[in-house]
Amino acid sequence: MKSDQQKTTAYFDGNCPLCRAEIAYYRCQDKEGSVCFVDVAAADAATPDGVSQAQAMQRFHVLGPDGQVRSGAAAFVAIWAQLPGWRWAVRLAALPGVLSALELGYRLFLPIRPYLSRLAGRKRL
């Protein structure tokens, strides 16, 4: 298991049922304990430097062991790089234009996330 300084830290909205379900999946995949997951919906949650709690609630952020903060699609790729079953997705995201397309998809998803989240909450994901 890696020390906290060597880990990737993911900041997620624990009030979002979709987010909780995805993070639960990632936690199950993270057999090495490479990722520290922080629920930024908690009142006392720490966020990375330069990212407010409100920003962290609105958009997925990751702090890498290199000290770099990534958000959106790049943050997902940083998580996938830590999970053995997702390394193919990291290689795919490295192809020209793919990360930009993933980011566009993420930005299109963000406005509908609250509606999908309410629906998921009713279905208890």
N, C-alpha and C. Protein backbone atom coordinates (compact mmCIF):
# COMPACT_ATOMS: atom_id res chain seq x y z
N MET A 1 0.85 -1.18 0.00
CA MET A 1 0.00 0.00 0.00
C MET A 1 0.89 1.24 0.00
N LYS A 2 0.47 2.24 -0.74
CA LYS A 2 1.23 3.48 -0.86
C LYS A 2 0.96 4.38 0.34
N SER A 3 1.96 5.24 0.65
CA SER A 3 1.72 6.24 1.69
C SER A 3 0.80 7.31 1.12
N ASP A 4 0.21 8.12 1.98
CA ASP A 4 -0.71 9.16 1.52
C ASP A 4 -0.04 10.13 0.56
N GLN A 5 1.25 10.38 0.72
CA GLN A 5 1.95 11.30 -0.17
C GLN A 5 2.14 10.70 -1.56
N GLN A 6 2.10 9.39 -1.68
CA GLN A 6 2.28 8.72 -2.97
C GLN A 6 0.94 8.44 -3.65
N LYS A 7 -0.13 8.67 -2.96
CA LYS A 7 -1.45 8.35 -3.49
C LYS A 7 -2.02 9.47 -4.34
N THR A 8 -2.91 9.08 -5.21
CA THR A 8 -3.74 10.01 -5.94
C THR A 8 -4.95 10.27 -5.05
N THR A 9 -5.37 11.52 -4.93
CA THR A 9 -6.53 11.86 -4.10
C THR A 9 -7.65 12.34 -5.01
N ALA A 10 -8.81 11.70 -4.90
CA ALA A 10 -9.98 12.06 -5.70
C ALA A 10 -10.98 12.78 -4.81
N TYR A 11 -11.47 13.91 -5.29
CA TYR A 11 -12.44 14.73 -4.56
C TYR A 11 -13.78 14.61 -5.26
N PHE A 12 -14.77 14.08 -4.56
CA PHE A 12 -16.06 13.81 -5.20
C PHE A 12 -17.22 14.36 -4.36
N ASP A 13 -18.34 14.56 -5.02
CA ASP A 13 -19.55 15.07 -4.38
C ASP A 13 -20.33 13.89 -3.78
N GLY A 14 -20.18 13.72 -2.48
CA GLY A 14 -20.86 12.62 -1.80
C GLY A 14 -22.37 12.79 -1.70
N ASN A 15 -22.89 13.97 -2.03
CA ASN A 15 -24.34 14.17 -2.05
C ASN A 15 -24.97 13.66 -3.34
N CYS A 16 -24.15 13.33 -4.32
CA CYS A 16 -24.62 12.89 -5.63
C CYS A 16 -24.65 11.36 -5.69
N PRO A 17 -25.85 10.76 -5.84
CA PRO A 17 -25.93 9.30 -5.90
C PRO A 17 -25.12 8.70 -7.05
N LEU A 18 -25.06 9.37 -8.19
CA LEU A 18 -24.25 8.88 -9.31
C LEU A 18 -22.78 8.87 -8.93
N CYS A 19 -22.34 9.95 -8.32
CA CYS A 19 -20.94 10.07 -7.91
C CYS A 19 -20.60 9.01 -6.87
N ARG A 20 -21.47 8.82 -5.90
CA ARG A 20 -21.22 7.81 -4.86
C ARG A 20 -21.12 6.42 -5.48
N ALA A 21 -21.99 6.11 -6.44
CA ALA A 21 -21.96 4.80 -7.08
C ALA A 21 -20.66 4.60 -7.85
N GLU A 22 -20.25 5.62 -8.59
CA GLU A 22 -19.01 5.50 -9.35
C GLU A 22 -17.80 5.36 -8.43
N ILE A 23 -17.76 6.15 -7.37
CA ILE A 23 -16.64 6.07 -6.43
C ILE A 23 -16.64 4.71 -5.73
N ALA A 24 -17.80 4.18 -5.40
CA ALA A 24 -17.87 2.84 -4.78
C ALA A 24 -17.27 1.80 -5.73
N TYR A 25 -17.58 1.93 -7.01
CA TYR A 25 -17.01 1.02 -8.01
C TYR A 25 -15.48 1.15 -8.04
N TYR A 26 -15.00 2.39 -8.09
CA TYR A 26 -13.55 2.61 -8.13
C TYR A 26 -12.88 2.07 -6.87
N ARG A 27 -13.51 2.25 -5.73
CA ARG A 27 -12.94 1.73 -4.47
C ARG A 27 -12.78 0.21 -4.54
N CYS A 28 -13.77 -0.45 -5.10
CA CYS A 28 -13.69 -1.92 -5.25
C CYS A 28 -12.57 -2.32 -6.19
N GLN A 29 -12.33 -1.53 -7.20
CA GLN A 29 -11.28 -1.82 -8.17
C GLN A 29 -9.88 -1.51 -7.63
N ASP A 30 -9.80 -0.65 -6.65
CA ASP A 30 -8.51 -0.17 -6.14
C ASP A 30 -7.96 -1.13 -5.08
N LYS A 31 -7.55 -2.29 -5.52
CA LYS A 31 -7.04 -3.32 -4.61
C LYS A 31 -5.72 -2.92 -3.96
N GLU A 32 -4.95 -2.06 -4.61
CA GLU A 32 -3.65 -1.62 -4.09
C GLU A 32 -3.76 -0.46 -3.11
N GLY A 33 -4.94 0.14 -2.99
CA GLY A 33 -5.10 1.29 -2.11
C GLY A 33 -4.36 2.50 -2.63
N SER A 34 -4.35 2.68 -3.96
CA SER A 34 -3.60 3.75 -4.60
C SER A 34 -4.31 5.09 -4.58
N VAL A 35 -5.61 5.07 -4.30
CA VAL A 35 -6.40 6.30 -4.37
C VAL A 35 -7.03 6.58 -3.01
N CYS A 36 -6.93 7.82 -2.58
CA CYS A 36 -7.61 8.30 -1.39
C CYS A 36 -8.84 9.06 -1.88
N PHE A 37 -10.00 8.71 -1.39
CA PHE A 37 -11.25 9.34 -1.83
C PHE A 37 -11.74 10.29 -0.76
N VAL A 38 -12.01 11.55 -1.15
CA VAL A 38 -12.46 12.58 -0.22
C VAL A 38 -13.84 13.07 -0.65
N ASP A 39 -14.79 12.92 0.24
CA ASP A 39 -16.15 13.41 0.01
C ASP A 39 -16.17 14.90 0.33
N VAL A 40 -16.23 15.73 -0.71
CA VAL A 40 -16.18 17.18 -0.49
C VAL A 40 -17.51 17.74 -0.03
N ALA A 41 -18.54 16.91 0.06
CA ALA A 41 -19.82 17.37 0.59
C ALA A 41 -19.76 17.50 2.12
N ALA A 42 -18.80 16.84 2.72
CA ALA A 42 -18.64 16.93 4.18
C ALA A 42 -18.20 18.34 4.55
N ALA A 43 -18.76 18.86 5.61
CA ALA A 43 -18.50 20.24 6.02
C ALA A 43 -17.02 20.51 6.27
N ASP A 44 -16.30 19.52 6.78
CA ASP A 44 -14.89 19.73 7.11
C ASP A 44 -13.93 19.18 6.05
N ALA A 45 -14.44 18.91 4.85
CA ALA A 45 -13.61 18.31 3.80
C ALA A 45 -12.52 19.27 3.34
N ALA A 46 -11.33 18.72 3.21
CA ALA A 46 -10.21 19.49 2.66
C ALA A 46 -10.24 19.36 1.15
N THR A 47 -9.90 20.44 0.47
CA THR A 47 -9.82 20.43 -0.99
C THR A 47 -8.40 20.82 -1.39
N PRO A 48 -8.01 20.51 -2.62
CA PRO A 48 -6.66 20.89 -3.02
C PRO A 48 -6.51 22.41 -3.10
N ASP A 49 -5.29 22.88 -2.97
CA ASP A 49 -5.02 24.32 -3.07
C ASP A 49 -5.58 24.86 -4.38
N GLY A 50 -6.27 25.99 -4.28
CA GLY A 50 -6.82 26.64 -5.47
C GLY A 50 -8.18 26.13 -5.89
N VAL A 51 -8.73 25.16 -5.17
CA VAL A 51 -10.05 24.60 -5.50
C VAL A 51 -10.95 24.78 -4.28
N SER A 52 -12.02 25.54 -4.45
CA SER A 52 -12.96 25.74 -3.35
C SER A 52 -13.85 24.51 -3.20
N GLN A 53 -14.53 24.44 -2.08
CA GLN A 53 -15.45 23.33 -1.87
C GLN A 53 -16.56 23.37 -2.93
N ALA A 54 -17.05 24.55 -3.26
CA ALA A 54 -18.10 24.67 -4.28
C ALA A 54 -17.59 24.17 -5.64
N GLN A 55 -16.37 24.52 -6.00
CA GLN A 55 -15.81 24.05 -7.26
C GLN A 55 -15.65 22.53 -7.26
N ALA A 56 -15.21 22.00 -6.14
CA ALA A 56 -15.02 20.56 -6.03
C ALA A 56 -16.35 19.81 -6.08
N MET A 57 -17.42 20.46 -5.65
CA MET A 57 -18.74 19.83 -5.71
C MET A 57 -19.29 19.85 -7.14
N GLN A 58 -18.91 20.83 -7.92
CA GLN A 58 -19.45 20.99 -9.26
C GLN A 58 -18.72 20.17 -10.31
N ARG A 59 -17.48 19.83 -10.04
CA ARG A 59 -16.64 19.20 -11.05
C ARG A 59 -15.66 18.27 -10.36
N PHE A 60 -15.43 17.11 -10.94
CA PHE A 60 -14.54 16.10 -10.37
C PHE A 60 -13.09 16.59 -10.43
N HIS A 61 -12.39 16.49 -9.29
CA HIS A 61 -10.99 16.90 -9.21
C HIS A 61 -10.14 15.78 -8.62
N VAL A 62 -8.89 15.74 -9.05
CA VAL A 62 -7.93 14.77 -8.55
C VAL A 62 -6.61 15.50 -8.30
N LEU A 63 -6.00 15.17 -7.18
CA LEU A 63 -4.66 15.65 -6.87
C LEU A 63 -3.72 14.47 -7.00
N GLY A 64 -2.78 14.57 -7.91
CA GLY A 64 -1.83 13.48 -8.12
C GLY A 64 -0.67 13.54 -7.15
N PRO A 65 0.06 12.45 -7.02
CA PRO A 65 1.22 12.44 -6.13
C PRO A 65 2.29 13.44 -6.58
N ASP A 66 2.19 13.90 -7.84
CA ASP A 66 3.12 14.90 -8.37
C ASP A 66 2.72 16.32 -7.95
N GLY A 67 1.59 16.45 -7.21
CA GLY A 67 1.11 17.75 -6.76
C GLY A 67 0.24 18.47 -7.77
N GLN A 68 0.03 17.88 -8.93
CA GLN A 68 -0.79 18.52 -9.97
C GLN A 68 -2.27 18.20 -9.76
N VAL A 69 -3.10 19.26 -9.84
CA VAL A 69 -4.55 19.10 -9.74
C VAL A 69 -5.11 18.97 -11.16
N ARG A 70 -5.90 17.95 -11.35
CA ARG A 70 -6.56 17.73 -12.63
C ARG A 70 -8.07 17.76 -12.38
N SER A 71 -8.83 18.18 -13.38
CA SER A 71 -10.28 18.17 -13.21
C SER A 71 -10.92 17.65 -14.48
N GLY A 72 -12.21 17.32 -14.34
CA GLY A 72 -12.96 16.84 -15.50
C GLY A 72 -12.41 15.53 -16.03
N ALA A 73 -12.37 15.41 -17.35
CA ALA A 73 -11.94 14.17 -17.99
C ALA A 73 -10.51 13.80 -17.59
N ALA A 74 -9.64 14.78 -17.47
CA ALA A 74 -8.26 14.49 -17.07
C ALA A 74 -8.20 13.87 -15.68
N ALA A 75 -9.12 14.26 -14.81
CA ALA A 75 -9.18 13.68 -13.47
C ALA A 75 -9.59 12.22 -13.53
N PHE A 76 -10.55 11.91 -14.39
CA PHE A 76 -10.96 10.51 -14.54
C PHE A 76 -9.80 9.67 -15.07
N VAL A 77 -9.08 10.20 -16.03
CA VAL A 77 -7.93 9.47 -16.58
C VAL A 77 -6.89 9.22 -15.50
N ALA A 78 -6.69 10.19 -14.62
CA ALA A 78 -5.74 10.02 -13.52
C ALA A 78 -6.18 8.89 -12.58
N ILE A 79 -7.48 8.77 -12.36
CA ILE A 79 -7.99 7.66 -11.53
C ILE A 79 -7.82 6.34 -12.26
N TRP A 80 -8.21 6.32 -13.53
CA TRP A 80 -8.09 5.08 -14.32
C TRP A 80 -6.65 4.57 -14.34
N ALA A 81 -5.69 5.49 -14.34
CA ALA A 81 -4.28 5.08 -14.37
C ALA A 81 -3.89 4.29 -13.12
N GLN A 82 -4.67 4.43 -12.05
CA GLN A 82 -4.39 3.74 -10.79
C GLN A 82 -5.11 2.39 -10.69
N LEU A 83 -6.05 2.14 -11.59
CA LEU A 83 -6.88 0.94 -11.50
C LEU A 83 -6.49 -0.06 -12.59
N PRO A 84 -6.15 -1.28 -12.19
CA PRO A 84 -5.64 -2.25 -13.17
C PRO A 84 -6.59 -2.53 -14.34
N GLY A 85 -7.87 -2.53 -14.12
CA GLY A 85 -8.82 -2.83 -15.19
C GLY A 85 -9.09 -1.67 -16.12
N TRP A 86 -8.50 -0.54 -15.86
CA TRP A 86 -8.78 0.67 -16.65
C TRP A 86 -7.58 1.20 -17.41
N ARG A 87 -6.49 0.49 -17.40
CA ARG A 87 -5.28 1.00 -18.08
C ARG A 87 -5.50 1.14 -19.59
N TRP A 88 -6.36 0.30 -20.16
CA TRP A 88 -6.69 0.43 -21.59
C TRP A 88 -7.31 1.79 -21.88
N ALA A 89 -8.13 2.29 -20.95
CA ALA A 89 -8.79 3.58 -21.13
C ALA A 89 -7.77 4.72 -21.07
N VAL A 90 -6.73 4.55 -20.26
CA VAL A 90 -5.67 5.56 -20.18
C VAL A 90 -4.93 5.63 -21.52
N ARG A 91 -4.63 4.46 -22.08
CA ARG A 91 -3.96 4.43 -23.39
C ARG A 91 -4.84 5.04 -24.47
N LEU A 92 -6.13 4.77 -24.42
CA LEU A 92 -7.07 5.34 -25.39
C LEU A 92 -7.14 6.86 -25.23
N ALA A 93 -7.20 7.33 -24.00
CA ALA A 93 -7.28 8.78 -23.74
C ALA A 93 -6.03 9.51 -24.19
N ALA A 94 -4.90 8.80 -24.31
CA ALA A 94 -3.65 9.42 -24.74
C ALA A 94 -3.60 9.65 -26.25
N LEU A 95 -4.51 9.04 -26.98
CA LEU A 95 -4.53 9.23 -28.44
C LEU A 95 -4.94 10.66 -28.77
N PRO A 96 -4.43 11.20 -29.87
CA PRO A 96 -4.75 12.58 -30.24
C PRO A 96 -6.27 12.83 -30.32
N GLY A 97 -6.72 13.86 -29.61
CA GLY A 97 -8.11 14.29 -29.65
C GLY A 97 -9.05 13.57 -28.71
N VAL A 98 -8.64 12.44 -28.17
CA VAL A 98 -9.56 11.65 -27.34
C VAL A 98 -9.84 12.35 -26.01
N LEU A 99 -8.82 12.87 -25.35
CA LEU A 99 -9.06 13.56 -24.07
C LEU A 99 -9.95 14.78 -24.28
N SER A 100 -9.76 15.48 -25.37
CA SER A 100 -10.62 16.64 -25.67
C SER A 100 -12.06 16.20 -25.88
N ALA A 101 -12.26 15.09 -26.56
CA ALA A 101 -13.62 14.57 -26.77
C ALA A 101 -14.23 14.12 -25.45
N LEU A 102 -13.44 13.49 -24.60
CA LEU A 102 -13.94 13.08 -23.28
C LEU A 102 -14.32 14.30 -22.45
N GLU A 103 -13.51 15.35 -22.52
CA GLU A 103 -13.80 16.58 -21.78
C GLU A 103 -15.08 17.22 -22.29
N LEU A 104 -15.27 17.23 -23.59
CA LEU A 104 -16.51 17.77 -24.17
C LEU A 104 -17.71 16.98 -23.66
N GLY A 105 -17.60 15.66 -23.69
CA GLY A 105 -18.68 14.82 -23.16
C GLY A 105 -18.97 15.10 -21.70
N TYR A 106 -17.91 15.29 -20.91
CA TYR A 106 -18.07 15.58 -19.49
C TYR A 106 -18.78 16.92 -19.30
N ARG A 107 -18.37 17.92 -20.08
CA ARG A 107 -19.02 19.23 -19.98
C ARG A 107 -20.48 19.20 -20.39
N LEU A 108 -20.81 18.35 -21.35
CA LEU A 108 -22.21 18.20 -21.76
C LEU A 108 -23.01 17.46 -20.68
N PHE A 109 -22.35 16.57 -19.97
CA PHE A 109 -22.99 15.80 -18.91
C PHE A 109 -23.29 16.65 -17.67
N LEU A 110 -22.39 17.57 -17.33
CA LEU A 110 -22.52 18.33 -16.08
C LEU A 110 -23.86 19.02 -15.88
N PRO A 111 -24.43 19.68 -16.91
CA PRO A 111 -25.73 20.34 -16.68
C PRO A 111 -26.88 19.37 -16.40
N ILE A 112 -26.76 18.13 -16.88
CA ILE A 112 -27.86 17.18 -16.64
C ILE A 112 -27.59 16.28 -15.43
N ARG A 113 -26.41 16.40 -14.84
CA ARG A 113 -26.06 15.57 -13.68
C ARG A 113 -27.06 15.71 -12.55
N PRO A 114 -27.53 16.92 -12.20
CA PRO A 114 -28.49 17.01 -11.09
C PRO A 114 -29.78 16.23 -11.35
N TYR A 115 -30.25 16.24 -12.57
CA TYR A 115 -31.48 15.52 -12.90
C TYR A 115 -31.26 14.01 -12.84
N LEU A 116 -30.15 13.57 -13.41
CA LEU A 116 -29.82 12.15 -13.37
C LEU A 116 -29.56 11.69 -11.94
N SER A 117 -28.97 12.55 -11.16
CA SER A 117 -28.68 12.23 -9.78
C SER A 117 -29.96 12.04 -8.97
N ARG A 118 -30.93 12.93 -9.21
CA ARG A 118 -32.22 12.78 -8.51
C ARG A 118 -32.88 11.47 -8.91
N LEU A 119 -32.83 11.16 -10.20
CA LEU A 119 -33.42 9.91 -10.68
C LEU A 119 -32.70 8.72 -10.06
N ALA A 120 -31.37 8.76 -10.03
CA ALA A 120 -30.60 7.69 -9.43
C ALA A 120 -30.88 7.57 -7.94
N GLY A 121 -31.08 8.70 -7.28
CA GLY A 121 -31.39 8.69 -5.85
C GLY A 121 -32.70 7.98 -5.57
N ARG A 122 -33.66 8.18 -6.46
CA ARG A 122 -34.94 7.49 -6.32
C ARG A 122 -34.80 5.99 -6.51
N LYS A 123 -33.85 5.60 -7.37
CA LYS A 123 -33.63 4.19 -7.64
C LYS A 123 -32.61 3.58 -6.68
N ARG A 124 -32.02 4.45 -5.83
CA ARG A 124 -31.06 4.04 -4.80
C ARG A 124 -29.86 3.30 -5.35
N LEU A 125 -29.09 4.00 -6.16
CA LEU A 125 -27.85 3.41 -6.70
C LEU A 125 -26.87 3.15 -5.59
